[in-house]
C-alpha atoms as a PDB file:
ATOM      1  CA  UNK A   1      -6.217  -7.972  -0.287  1.00  0.00           C
ATOM      2  CA  UNK A   2      -5.787  -4.780  -2.205  1.00  0.00           C
ATOM      3  CA  UNK A   3      -6.065  -1.880   0.215  1.00  0.00           C
ATOM      4  CA  UNK A   4      -7.131   0.459  -2.526  1.00  0.00           C
ATOM      5  CA  UNK A   5     -10.038  -1.816  -3.550  1.00  0.00           C
ATOM      6  CA  UNK A   6     -10.951  -2.283   0.081  1.00  0.00           C
ATOM      7  CA  UNK A   7     -11.173   1.564   0.389  1.00  0.00           C
ATOM      8  CA  UNK A   8     -13.296   1.704  -2.765  1.00  0.00           C
ATOM      9  CA  UNK A   9     -10.903   3.998  -4.678  1.00  0.00           C
ATOM     10  CA  UNK A  10     -11.325   4.733  -8.366  1.00  0.00           C
ATOM     11  CA  UNK A  11     -10.662   1.637 -10.406  1.00  0.00           C
ATOM     12  CA  UNK A  12     -12.174  -0.762  -7.911  1.00  0.00           C
ATOM     13  CA  UNK A  13     -14.186  -3.614  -9.361  1.00  0.00           C
ATOM     14  CA  UNK A  14     -14.304  -5.911  -6.367  1.00  0.00           C
ATOM     15  CA  UNK A  15     -14.008  -4.418  -2.852  1.00  0.00           C
ATOM     16  CA  UNK A  16     -12.400  -7.489  -1.379  1.00  0.00           C
ATOM     17  CA  UNK A  17      -9.968  -8.137  -4.191  1.00  0.00           C
ATOM     18  CA  UNK A  18      -7.354 -10.854  -3.522  1.00  0.00           C
ATOM     19  CA  UNK A  19      -6.251 -11.426  -7.182  1.00  0.00           C
ATOM     20  CA  UNK A  20      -3.121 -10.219  -8.915  1.00  0.00           C
ATOM     21  CA  UNK A  21      -1.654  -8.670  -5.760  1.00  0.00           C
ATOM     22  CA  UNK A  22       1.802  -7.119  -5.271  1.00  0.00           C
ATOM     23  CA  UNK A  23       3.568  -4.992  -2.738  1.00  0.00           C
ATOM     24  CA  UNK A  24       4.041  -1.335  -3.749  1.00  0.00           C
ATOM     25  CA  UNK A  25       6.743   0.875  -2.172  1.00  0.00           C
ATOM     26  CA  UNK A  26       5.094   4.239  -1.459  1.00  0.00           C
ATOM     27  CA  UNK A  27       8.507   5.944  -1.474  1.00  0.00           C
ATOM     28  CA  UNK A  28      10.332   4.069  -4.227  1.00  0.00           C
ATOM     29  CA  UNK A  29      13.520   2.173  -3.404  1.00  0.00           C
ATOM     30  CA  UNK A  30      15.378   4.311  -5.891  1.00  0.00           C
ATOM     31  CA  UNK A  31      14.356   7.407  -3.988  1.00  0.00           C
ATOM     32  CA  UNK A  32      15.098   6.108  -0.430  1.00  0.00           C
ATOM     33  CA  UNK A  33      16.662   2.678  -0.098  1.00  0.00           C
ATOM     34  CA  UNK A  34      16.484   2.822   3.697  1.00  0.00           C
ATOM     35  CA  UNK A  35      12.632   2.739   3.583  1.00  0.00           C
ATOM     36  CA  UNK A  36      12.455  -0.426   1.514  1.00  0.00           C
ATOM     37  CA  UNK A  37      11.230  -2.623   4.423  1.00  0.00           C
ATOM     38  CA  UNK A  38       9.372  -0.035   6.507  1.00  0.00           C
ATOM     39  CA  UNK A  39       5.863  -1.310   7.091  1.00  0.00           C
ATOM     40  CA  UNK A  40       4.397   2.145   6.686  1.00  0.00           C
ATOM     41  CA  UNK A  41       6.064   2.439   3.254  1.00  0.00           C
ATOM     42  CA  UNK A  42       4.548  -0.794   1.868  1.00  0.00           C
ATOM     43  CA  UNK A  43       1.044  -1.289   0.604  1.00  0.00           C
ATOM     44  CA  UNK A  44      -0.651  -4.336  -0.899  1.00  0.00           C
ATOM     45  CA  UNK A  45      -2.337  -3.502  -4.178  1.00  0.00           C
ATOM     46  CA  UNK A  46      -3.872  -5.188  -7.241  1.00  0.00           C
ATOM     47  CA  UNK A  47      -2.316  -4.684 -10.671  1.00  0.00           C
ATOM     48  CA  UNK A  48      -4.782  -1.893 -11.584  1.00  0.00           C
ATOM     49  CA  UNK A  49      -4.120   0.146  -8.435  1.00  0.00           C
ATOM     50  CA  UNK A  50      -0.376  -0.610  -8.564  1.00  0.00           C
ATOM     51  CA  UNK A  51      -0.244   1.207 -11.950  1.00  0.00           C
ATOM     52  CA  UNK A  52      -2.368   4.040 -10.500  1.00  0.00           C
ATOM     53  CA  UNK A  53       0.044   4.367  -7.511  1.00  0.00           C
ATOM     54  CA  UNK A  54       3.081   4.322  -9.782  1.00  0.00           C
ATOM     55  CA  UNK A  55       1.559   7.014 -12.026  1.00  0.00           C
ATOM     56  CA  UNK A  56       0.639   9.271  -9.064  1.00  0.00           C
ATOM     57  CA  UNK A  57      -3.104   8.998  -9.744  1.00  0.00           C
ATOM     58  CA  UNK A  58      -3.384   7.646  -6.192  1.00  0.00           C
ATOM     59  CA  UNK A  59      -1.281  10.045  -4.169  1.00  0.00           C
ATOM     60  CA  UNK A  60       1.452   9.018  -1.836  1.00  0.00           C
ATOM     61  CA  UNK A  61      -0.515  10.612   0.988  1.00  0.00           C
ATOM     62  CA  UNK A  62      -3.530   8.439   0.239  1.00  0.00           C
ATOM     63  CA  UNK A  63      -1.283   5.382  -0.004  1.00  0.00           C
ATOM     64  CA  UNK A  64       0.356   6.145   3.336  1.00  0.00           C
ATOM     65  CA  UNK A  65      -3.014   6.704   5.014  1.00  0.00           C
ATOM     66  CA  UNK A  66      -4.184   3.268   3.760  1.00  0.00           C
ATOM     67  CA  UNK A  67      -0.972   1.618   4.948  1.00  0.00           C
ATOM     68  CA  UNK A  68      -1.197   3.221   8.416  1.00  0.00           C
ATOM     69  CA  UNK A  69      -4.910   2.347   8.749  1.00  0.00           C
ATOM     70  CA  UNK A  70      -4.211  -1.271   7.800  1.00  0.00           C
ATOM     71  CA  UNK A  71      -1.393  -1.481  10.335  1.00  0.00           C
ATOM     72  CA  UNK A  72      -3.574   0.177  13.025  1.00  0.00           C
ATOM     73  CA  UNK A  73      -6.465  -2.236  12.277  1.00  0.00           C
ATOM     74  CA  UNK A  74      -3.991  -5.157  12.631  1.00  0.00           C
ATOM     75  CA  UNK A  75      -2.712  -3.830  15.948  1.00  0.00           C
ATOM     76  CA  UNK A  76       0.753  -3.110  14.535  1.00  0.00           C
ATOM     77  CA  UNK A  77       3.024  -0.216  15.334  1.00  0.00           C
ATOM     78  CA  UNK A  78       4.144   1.781  12.329  1.00  0.00           C
ATOM     79  CA  UNK A  79       7.569   2.334  13.911  1.00  0.00           C
ATOM     80  CA  UNK A  80       8.136  -1.364  14.675  1.00  0.00           C
ATOM     81  CA  UNK A  81      10.490  -3.200  12.264  1.00  0.00           C
ATOM     82  CA  UNK A  82       9.155  -5.981  10.104  1.00  0.00           C
ATOM     83  CA  UNK A  83       9.915  -9.419  11.536  1.00  0.00           C
ATOM     84  CA  UNK A  84      10.248 -12.513   9.411  1.00  0.00           C
END
């Protein structure tokens, strides 16, 4: 689900939004390619919040806090590599 909607950030229409989701890189790949698969650099967002993240309306700090909270709630370690 969109972590921004879940947190009730500006632009939220449905708190538990599972439609039109994508993964957003908090620190863009173009800026730091080595962070492209870091769990604490990835956040699931809806199309509305993805645009807001890209535009800086939702700050990177807020995005990172949401990513870390989600990982903590799931019992994941932010420093652990993603496993497929």
